[in-house]
């Protein structure tokens, strides 16, 4: 069976980048991914998928990738290369990667590039706020509002989102309170997840925040919505990331050093969310099953993972869905140390979204970048000890009811 391989990755640091343009960020990760693959240019690239969520608020609603990459067409990239634009809220990076992988597996391209470029932080804070509202149904808002209110009433858990707060936080907070009521998980366990991720970020030069925080400081941080404090939630970020995917035939023609550093894509899947009940399994559960069946693995085979911890609760449920523990035991798993650096299966050695940052379209691709560094043994001070072989990235975005609209799960393997 044909196999796709990651042969080059790149990511900018995630920051507030008021002085960097979309073109600047795109060029940085294009050059970085090509350099990582040992290529002088991308003239062999046969498919390019460009992910972005925010360019419309800067005045560019369409042909976003074409605009961002135009100065590089005919030099670093083929002049007539089609730029395919994709958007799937916070899961945009996974959409781009899945499309690039499918282009390679189908034989449409020997070399495909997935790129996510984002400038979320607009000078007008209300513009940034409205950008996030677009990740839910804005044409029929009464449907999900009524659904959420009814579920809150059914379960006895209040759902009263603040008009000036990103309502995603209220949805995740309600889910967290439901998990606590059903399984006995605690605020302290959520703080343990955040503490771990802030500790991991200290060793990641690309992370937005690189300051360790102890559990007491996290619990005492500024309240957002119960049970979350500020340091349990992802910040707003700008940045870009890119992943270069190659066919097996293309890889066999390359120098031995590149072949040795390549990382096989065992699975790269997308799963859609549903208007599920509050106490029904989240989309990440079927998403993980789909990817694991395709890859032929179980959760016990995973050596490390990067998951979509837009809040600490999101990591808790992701670890359950990935089979790192039984359902309901995500909080206890975090407290056990198994998901910390040096543990049985470290999660978010990058610092996760909570510390590394979350520039929407770049996030899913940056997870793959971080995992490839780990699988190649190139993560410097943040390197997982031993020789990790199998890694999983889980990236989700948008909201339909209480479910993410889309969830991507990617399984990577470094063959030794």
Protein backbone atom coordinates (compact mmCIF):
# COMPACT_ATOMS: atom_id res chain seq x y z
CA UNK A 1 0.00 0.00 0.00
CA UNK A 2 1.21 3.52 -0.78
CA UNK A 3 2.55 5.56 2.13
CA UNK A 4 2.82 9.29 2.75
CA UNK A 5 5.77 10.72 4.65
CA UNK A 6 6.47 14.01 6.39
CA UNK A 7 9.81 15.20 5.04
CA UNK A 8 9.90 18.82 6.21
CA UNK A 9 8.21 20.97 8.86
CA UNK A 10 8.48 24.51 10.16
CA UNK A 11 6.78 26.83 12.61
CA UNK A 12 7.25 30.44 13.60
CA UNK A 13 7.21 31.29 17.28
CA UNK A 14 3.63 31.98 18.36
CA UNK A 15 3.32 35.55 19.57
CA UNK A 16 1.55 38.82 19.05
CA UNK A 17 3.04 39.80 15.69
CA UNK A 18 1.62 43.27 14.88
CA UNK A 19 4.52 44.11 12.55
CA UNK A 20 4.58 40.87 10.55
CA UNK A 21 2.39 40.48 7.46
CA UNK A 22 0.67 37.36 6.17
CA UNK A 23 3.27 37.28 3.39
CA UNK A 24 6.14 37.48 5.86
CA UNK A 25 4.77 34.66 8.03
CA UNK A 26 4.00 32.48 4.99
CA UNK A 27 7.46 32.94 3.51
CA UNK A 28 9.13 32.12 6.83
CA UNK A 29 7.47 28.70 7.16
CA UNK A 30 7.76 27.91 3.45
CA UNK A 31 11.49 28.48 3.55
CA UNK A 32 11.72 26.64 6.86
CA UNK A 33 9.90 23.52 5.64
CA UNK A 34 11.93 23.40 2.42
CA UNK A 35 15.17 23.81 4.33
CA UNK A 36 14.14 21.09 6.78
CA UNK A 37 13.69 18.77 3.79
CA UNK A 38 17.05 19.77 2.33
CA UNK A 39 15.45 21.46 -0.69
CA UNK A 40 16.64 24.69 -2.27
CA UNK A 41 13.18 25.47 -3.62
CA UNK A 42 9.69 24.04 -3.86
CA UNK A 43 9.50 23.65 -7.60
CA UNK A 44 8.63 19.96 -7.16
CA UNK A 45 5.60 20.81 -5.03
CA UNK A 46 2.55 19.56 -6.90
CA UNK A 47 -0.18 20.48 -4.39
CA UNK A 48 -0.39 23.40 -1.99
CA UNK A 49 -3.15 23.72 0.60
CA UNK A 50 -3.32 27.04 2.42
CA UNK A 51 -5.27 27.33 5.66
CA UNK A 52 -6.47 30.57 7.19
CA UNK A 53 -9.38 31.80 9.29
CA UNK A 54 -8.80 35.54 9.77
CA UNK A 55 -7.61 37.21 6.56
CA UNK A 56 -11.11 38.54 5.85
CA UNK A 57 -10.97 40.81 8.91
CA UNK A 58 -7.80 42.32 7.42
CA UNK A 59 -9.57 42.97 4.11
CA UNK A 60 -8.86 39.75 2.13
CA UNK A 61 -11.94 37.48 2.14
CA UNK A 62 -11.02 35.28 -0.85
CA UNK A 63 -7.97 33.77 -2.63
CA UNK A 64 -6.09 34.17 0.61
CA UNK A 65 -3.19 31.84 -0.11
CA UNK A 66 -2.72 33.24 -3.59
CA UNK A 67 -2.36 36.72 -2.11
CA UNK A 68 -0.04 35.61 0.71
CA UNK A 69 2.25 33.57 -1.56
CA UNK A 70 2.18 35.58 -4.81
CA UNK A 71 5.73 37.03 -4.45
CA UNK A 72 7.11 33.48 -4.13
CA UNK A 73 5.35 31.97 -7.15
CA UNK A 74 7.82 31.43 -9.95
CA UNK A 75 10.80 31.45 -7.59
CA UNK A 76 10.34 29.26 -4.52
CA UNK A 77 7.18 27.67 -5.94
CA UNK A 78 5.98 26.83 -9.47
CA UNK A 79 4.49 29.90 -11.14
CA UNK A 80 1.28 28.09 -12.11
CA UNK A 81 0.81 26.03 -8.94
CA UNK A 82 -2.81 26.05 -7.79
CA UNK A 83 -3.23 27.32 -4.23
CA UNK A 84 -6.18 25.58 -2.59
CA UNK A 85 -7.67 27.56 0.32
CA UNK A 86 -9.29 25.75 3.25
CA UNK A 87 -10.95 26.87 6.48
CA UNK A 88 -12.31 24.83 9.37
CA UNK A 89 -11.97 27.13 12.38
CA UNK A 90 -9.38 25.84 14.86
CA UNK A 91 -9.13 22.54 12.91
CA UNK A 92 -7.99 24.28 9.72
CA UNK A 93 -4.42 22.98 10.03
CA UNK A 94 -5.68 19.40 10.15
CA UNK A 95 -7.86 20.05 7.09
CA UNK A 96 -4.82 21.30 5.17
CA UNK A 97 -2.69 18.34 6.25
CA UNK A 98 -5.36 15.80 5.37
CA UNK A 99 -5.78 17.34 1.91
CA UNK A 100 -2.01 17.32 1.34
CA UNK A 101 -1.76 13.71 2.48
CA UNK A 102 -4.65 12.66 0.23
CA UNK A 103 -3.02 14.41 -2.73
CA UNK A 104 0.07 12.29 -2.20
CA UNK A 105 -1.76 9.01 -1.52
CA UNK A 106 -3.97 9.47 -4.60
CA UNK A 107 -0.98 10.00 -6.83
CA UNK A 108 -2.04 13.54 -7.71
CA UNK A 109 1.25 14.90 -6.34
CA UNK A 110 4.58 13.48 -5.25
CA UNK A 111 5.19 16.44 -2.97
CA UNK A 112 2.42 18.41 -1.23
CA UNK A 113 2.60 21.36 1.12
CA UNK A 114 0.13 22.14 3.91
CA UNK A 115 0.40 25.62 5.39
CA UNK A 116 -1.49 27.55 8.06
CA UNK A 117 -0.97 31.29 8.46
CA UNK A 118 -2.80 33.46 10.96
CA UNK A 119 -2.99 36.97 12.40
CA UNK A 120 -5.75 36.80 14.99
CA UNK A 121 -4.89 39.89 17.03
CA UNK A 122 -6.55 42.80 15.25
CA UNK A 123 -6.01 46.37 16.56
CA UNK A 124 -9.76 46.50 17.24
CA UNK A 125 -10.48 43.92 20.01
CA UNK A 126 -14.13 43.68 18.94
CA UNK A 127 -13.02 42.56 15.47
CA UNK A 128 -10.99 39.74 17.04
CA UNK A 129 -13.98 38.83 19.22
CA UNK A 130 -16.31 38.68 16.22
CA UNK A 131 -13.82 36.50 14.36
CA UNK A 132 -14.34 33.75 16.93
CA UNK A 133 -18.13 34.06 16.77
CA UNK A 134 -17.91 32.86 13.17
CA UNK A 135 -16.88 29.39 14.34
CA UNK A 136 -20.52 28.70 15.29
CA UNK A 137 -23.73 28.99 13.30
CA UNK A 138 -24.42 32.71 12.90
CA UNK A 139 -27.36 32.27 10.52
CA UNK A 140 -29.44 30.25 12.99
CA UNK A 141 -28.05 31.19 16.42
CA UNK A 142 -31.38 30.53 18.12
CA UNK A 143 -31.01 26.81 17.35
CA UNK A 144 -27.82 26.16 19.30
CA UNK A 145 -28.71 28.67 22.02
CA UNK A 146 -32.02 26.89 22.66
CA UNK A 147 -30.32 23.48 22.47
CA UNK A 148 -27.63 24.50 24.96
CA UNK A 149 -30.13 26.04 27.35
CA UNK A 150 -32.32 22.92 27.23
CA UNK A 151 -29.34 20.64 27.89
CA UNK A 152 -28.25 22.82 30.80
CA UNK A 153 -31.74 22.59 32.27
CA UNK A 154 -31.95 18.83 31.66
CA UNK A 155 -28.69 18.18 33.46
CA UNK A 156 -29.21 20.77 36.19
CA UNK A 157 -26.09 22.66 35.08
CA UNK A 158 -26.58 26.34 34.33
CA UNK A 159 -25.60 27.63 30.90
CA UNK A 160 -25.57 31.42 30.88
CA UNK A 161 -22.81 32.69 28.55
CA UNK A 162 -21.65 36.25 29.11
CA UNK A 163 -22.26 38.47 26.06
CA UNK A 164 -18.69 39.79 26.20
CA UNK A 165 -16.93 36.44 26.64
CA UNK A 166 -16.08 33.91 23.96
CA UNK A 167 -18.96 31.50 24.40
CA UNK A 168 -16.71 28.53 23.54
CA UNK A 169 -15.34 28.95 27.04
CA UNK A 170 -18.85 28.64 28.48
CA UNK A 171 -19.47 25.48 26.45
CA UNK A 172 -16.23 23.86 27.62
CA UNK A 173 -16.89 25.00 31.20
CA UNK A 174 -20.32 23.38 31.11
CA UNK A 175 -18.77 20.18 29.77
CA UNK A 176 -16.17 20.27 32.54
CA UNK A 177 -18.83 20.71 35.22
CA UNK A 178 -20.79 17.79 33.73
CA UNK A 179 -17.64 15.63 33.85
CA UNK A 180 -17.09 16.61 37.47
CA UNK A 181 -20.67 15.74 38.38
CA UNK A 182 -20.55 12.39 36.60
CA UNK A 183 -17.00 11.19 37.28
CA UNK A 184 -15.77 13.16 40.29
CA UNK A 185 -13.03 15.03 38.46
CA UNK A 186 -11.89 18.21 40.20
CA UNK A 187 -10.71 21.75 39.59
CA UNK A 188 -7.38 20.70 41.08
CA UNK A 189 -7.00 18.07 38.34
CA UNK A 190 -7.61 20.71 35.68
CA UNK A 191 -4.93 22.80 37.39
CA UNK A 192 -2.59 19.78 37.25
CA UNK A 193 -3.01 19.68 33.46
CA UNK A 194 -2.27 23.40 33.16
CA UNK A 195 0.69 23.12 35.54
CA UNK A 196 2.19 20.35 33.40
CA UNK A 197 1.77 22.28 30.17
CA UNK A 198 3.23 25.49 31.56
CA UNK A 199 6.21 23.47 32.82
CA UNK A 200 6.70 21.87 29.40
CA UNK A 201 6.63 25.24 27.61
CA UNK A 202 9.74 26.42 29.46
CA UNK A 203 11.80 24.23 27.11
CA UNK A 204 10.04 25.26 23.87
CA UNK A 205 11.58 28.33 22.17
CA UNK A 206 8.49 28.63 19.94
CA UNK A 207 6.02 28.90 22.84
CA UNK A 208 4.18 32.13 23.51
CA UNK A 209 4.50 31.78 27.28
CA UNK A 210 7.56 30.10 28.79
CA UNK A 211 6.98 30.56 32.50
CA UNK A 212 6.29 27.64 34.82
CA UNK A 213 3.26 27.96 37.11
CA UNK A 214 2.51 25.84 40.13
CA UNK A 215 -0.95 24.50 40.86
CA UNK A 216 -1.71 27.05 43.56
CA UNK A 217 -0.87 29.96 41.24
CA UNK A 218 -3.07 28.50 38.50
CA UNK A 219 -6.01 28.09 40.87
CA UNK A 220 -5.51 31.65 42.14
CA UNK A 221 -5.23 33.15 38.65
CA UNK A 222 -7.90 35.44 37.20
CA UNK A 223 -11.26 33.59 37.01
CA UNK A 224 -12.70 33.20 33.50
CA UNK A 225 -15.78 31.01 33.95
CA UNK A 226 -16.04 28.26 36.55
CA UNK A 227 -14.07 26.00 36.73
CA UNK A 228 -11.48 27.76 34.50
CA UNK A 229 -8.92 30.35 35.42
CA UNK A 230 -6.96 32.30 32.80
CA UNK A 231 -3.93 29.99 32.86
CA UNK A 232 -6.16 26.98 32.08
CA UNK A 233 -7.13 28.57 28.73
CA UNK A 234 -5.28 29.17 25.45
CA UNK A 235 -4.22 32.76 24.68
CA UNK A 236 -4.80 34.67 21.45
CA UNK A 237 -1.86 34.24 19.08
CA UNK A 238 -0.42 35.03 15.66
CA UNK A 239 1.86 32.66 13.77
CA UNK A 240 2.33 30.15 10.98
CA UNK A 241 3.31 26.52 10.44
CA UNK A 242 3.90 24.27 7.44
CA UNK A 243 4.30 20.56 6.74
CA UNK A 244 5.76 19.03 3.56
CA UNK A 245 4.34 15.60 2.67
CA UNK A 246 5.97 13.26 0.12
CA UNK A 247 5.17 10.01 -1.61
CA UNK A 248 7.22 6.89 -1.02
CA UNK A 249 8.45 6.99 -4.62
CA UNK A 250 9.68 10.58 -4.22
CA UNK A 251 11.34 9.77 -0.90
CA UNK A 252 13.24 6.79 -2.35
CA UNK A 253 14.92 9.16 -4.81
CA UNK A 254 16.27 11.41 -2.04
CA UNK A 255 19.54 11.23 -0.04
CA UNK A 256 19.75 8.65 2.72
CA UNK A 257 19.86 11.35 5.40
CA UNK A 258 16.44 12.69 4.37
CA UNK A 259 15.00 9.20 4.15
CA UNK A 260 16.25 8.50 7.67
CA UNK A 261 14.64 11.66 9.09
CA UNK A 262 11.30 11.12 7.37
CA UNK A 263 8.21 10.37 9.46
CA UNK A 264 5.51 8.07 8.10
CA UNK A 265 1.88 9.22 8.18
CA UNK A 266 0.07 6.13 9.44
CA UNK A 267 -3.31 7.90 9.48
CA UNK A 268 -4.64 11.40 8.85
CA UNK A 269 -8.39 11.54 9.38
CA UNK A 270 -11.19 14.07 9.82
CA UNK A 271 -14.45 13.44 11.70
CA UNK A 272 -17.45 15.73 11.95
CA UNK A 273 -19.18 16.65 15.19
CA UNK A 274 -22.90 16.35 15.90
CA UNK A 275 -25.54 18.13 17.97
CA UNK A 276 -24.87 15.63 20.74
CA UNK A 277 -26.31 15.59 24.23
CA UNK A 278 -24.09 17.04 26.93
CA UNK A 279 -23.41 13.61 28.42
CA UNK A 280 -22.81 11.84 25.07
CA UNK A 281 -19.23 11.10 23.88
CA UNK A 282 -17.45 14.03 22.22
CA UNK A 283 -16.37 13.87 18.57
CA UNK A 284 -12.78 13.13 19.58
CA UNK A 285 -13.86 9.58 20.61
CA UNK A 286 -15.02 8.44 17.13
CA UNK A 287 -12.22 10.50 15.58
CA UNK A 288 -9.60 8.59 17.54
CA UNK A 289 -11.22 5.25 16.74
CA UNK A 290 -11.24 6.05 13.03
CA UNK A 291 -7.58 7.03 12.98
CA UNK A 292 -6.49 4.10 15.14
CA UNK A 293 -8.26 1.58 12.90
CA UNK A 294 -6.59 3.09 9.84
CA UNK A 295 -3.18 3.06 11.56
CA UNK A 296 -3.63 -0.37 13.15
CA UNK A 297 -2.78 0.82 16.67
CA UNK A 298 -4.40 1.30 20.08
CA UNK A 299 -3.91 3.98 22.68
CA UNK A 300 -1.38 1.78 24.42
CA UNK A 301 0.93 2.02 21.41
CA UNK A 302 1.27 5.82 21.63
CA UNK A 303 4.59 7.15 22.91
CA UNK A 304 3.58 10.82 22.99
CA UNK A 305 0.78 13.13 21.87
CA UNK A 306 -0.09 16.73 21.12
CA UNK A 307 -3.77 17.47 21.81
CA UNK A 308 -6.06 20.44 21.38
CA UNK A 309 -6.07 21.89 24.89
CA UNK A 310 -7.86 25.17 24.17
CA UNK A 311 -8.85 24.63 27.80
CA UNK A 312 -7.41 22.20 30.32
CA UNK A 313 -10.68 20.26 30.17
CA UNK A 314 -10.20 19.66 26.43
CA UNK A 315 -6.94 17.86 27.19
CA UNK A 316 -8.63 15.81 29.91
CA UNK A 317 -11.27 14.46 27.52
CA UNK A 318 -8.73 13.99 24.70
CA UNK A 319 -6.57 11.70 26.83
CA UNK A 320 -9.63 9.59 27.56
CA UNK A 321 -10.63 9.47 23.89
CA UNK A 322 -7.10 8.49 22.80
CA UNK A 323 -7.23 5.51 25.15
CA UNK A 324 -4.50 6.74 27.49
CA UNK A 325 -6.91 6.03 30.34
CA UNK A 326 -10.47 4.83 30.87
CA UNK A 327 -13.38 7.23 30.30
CA UNK A 328 -13.83 9.39 33.37
CA UNK A 329 -10.21 9.00 34.47
CA UNK A 330 -8.57 11.87 32.59
CA UNK A 331 -8.15 13.98 35.71
CA UNK A 332 -6.59 11.14 37.67
CA UNK A 333 -4.27 10.44 34.72
CA UNK A 334 -3.00 14.03 34.80
CA UNK A 335 -2.31 13.81 38.53
CA UNK A 336 -0.47 10.50 38.09
CA UNK A 337 2.39 12.10 36.14
CA UNK A 338 1.99 9.67 33.23
CA UNK A 339 1.35 12.54 30.80
CA UNK A 340 4.21 14.71 32.07
CA UNK A 341 7.73 14.87 30.63
CA UNK A 342 9.41 11.57 31.44
CA UNK A 343 6.05 9.86 32.02
CA UNK A 344 4.53 6.85 30.29
CA UNK A 345 2.99 8.92 27.47
CA UNK A 346 3.79 12.65 27.63
CA UNK A 347 1.06 14.93 26.33
CA UNK A 348 1.76 18.42 24.99
CA UNK A 349 5.52 18.51 25.52
CA UNK A 350 5.33 21.70 23.44
CA UNK A 351 3.36 23.40 26.21
CA UNK A 352 0.09 22.83 24.40
CA UNK A 353 -2.28 25.55 23.31
CA UNK A 354 -2.41 26.81 26.90
CA UNK A 355 1.24 27.90 26.77
CA UNK A 356 2.54 27.43 23.22
CA UNK A 357 -0.34 29.53 21.88
CA UNK A 358 -3.17 29.04 19.40
CA UNK A 359 -3.05 30.85 16.04
CA UNK A 360 -6.07 28.96 14.68
CA UNK A 361 -5.06 27.69 11.21
CA UNK A 362 -1.44 27.14 12.27
CA UNK A 363 -2.20 25.10 15.39
CA UNK A 364 -2.80 21.64 13.90
CA UNK A 365 0.27 21.87 11.70
CA UNK A 366 2.43 23.10 14.58
CA UNK A 367 1.45 19.95 16.49
CA UNK A 368 2.89 17.84 13.67
CA UNK A 369 6.02 20.01 13.64
CA UNK A 370 6.51 19.47 17.38
CA UNK A 371 5.91 15.72 17.15
CA UNK A 372 8.34 15.34 14.25
CA UNK A 373 11.03 17.09 16.29
CA UNK A 374 10.40 14.60 19.08
CA UNK A 375 10.35 11.53 16.81
CA UNK A 376 13.61 12.64 15.18
CA UNK A 377 15.25 13.35 18.55
CA UNK A 378 15.65 17.04 17.67
CA UNK A 379 13.63 18.71 20.44
CA UNK A 380 16.73 19.79 22.42
CA UNK A 381 15.98 20.49 26.09
CA UNK A 382 12.36 19.41 25.65
CA UNK A 383 13.23 16.02 24.15
CA UNK A 384 11.34 12.98 25.43
CA UNK A 385 13.89 10.44 26.70
CA UNK A 386 14.31 7.15 24.93
CA UNK A 387 13.33 6.63 21.33
CA UNK A 388 9.66 7.52 20.76
CA UNK A 389 8.23 5.76 17.72
CA UNK A 390 4.51 6.52 17.49
CA UNK A 391 2.96 9.93 18.10
CA UNK A 392 -0.57 11.29 17.73
CA UNK A 393 -1.83 14.82 17.02
CA UNK A 394 -5.46 15.72 17.84
CA UNK A 395 -6.82 19.04 16.60
CA UNK A 396 -10.44 20.24 16.76
CA UNK A 397 -12.35 23.33 15.76
CA UNK A 398 -15.67 25.09 15.43
CA UNK A 399 -18.73 24.24 17.48
CA UNK A 400 -22.03 22.58 16.74
CA UNK A 401 -24.05 22.33 19.92
CA UNK A 402 -21.63 20.90 22.48
CA UNK A 403 -19.43 19.21 19.90
CA UNK A 404 -16.50 20.52 17.91
CA UNK A 405 -17.59 20.86 14.29
CA UNK A 406 -14.49 19.01 13.08
CA UNK A 407 -11.81 16.86 14.69
CA UNK A 408 -8.59 15.75 13.04
CA UNK A 409 -6.44 12.90 14.36
CA UNK A 410 -3.04 12.17 12.79
CA UNK A 411 -0.86 9.16 13.63
CA UNK A 412 2.86 9.50 12.89
CA UNK A 413 5.60 6.86 13.04
CA UNK A 414 9.37 7.14 12.96
CA UNK A 415 10.64 3.87 11.57
CA UNK A 416 14.02 2.96 12.99
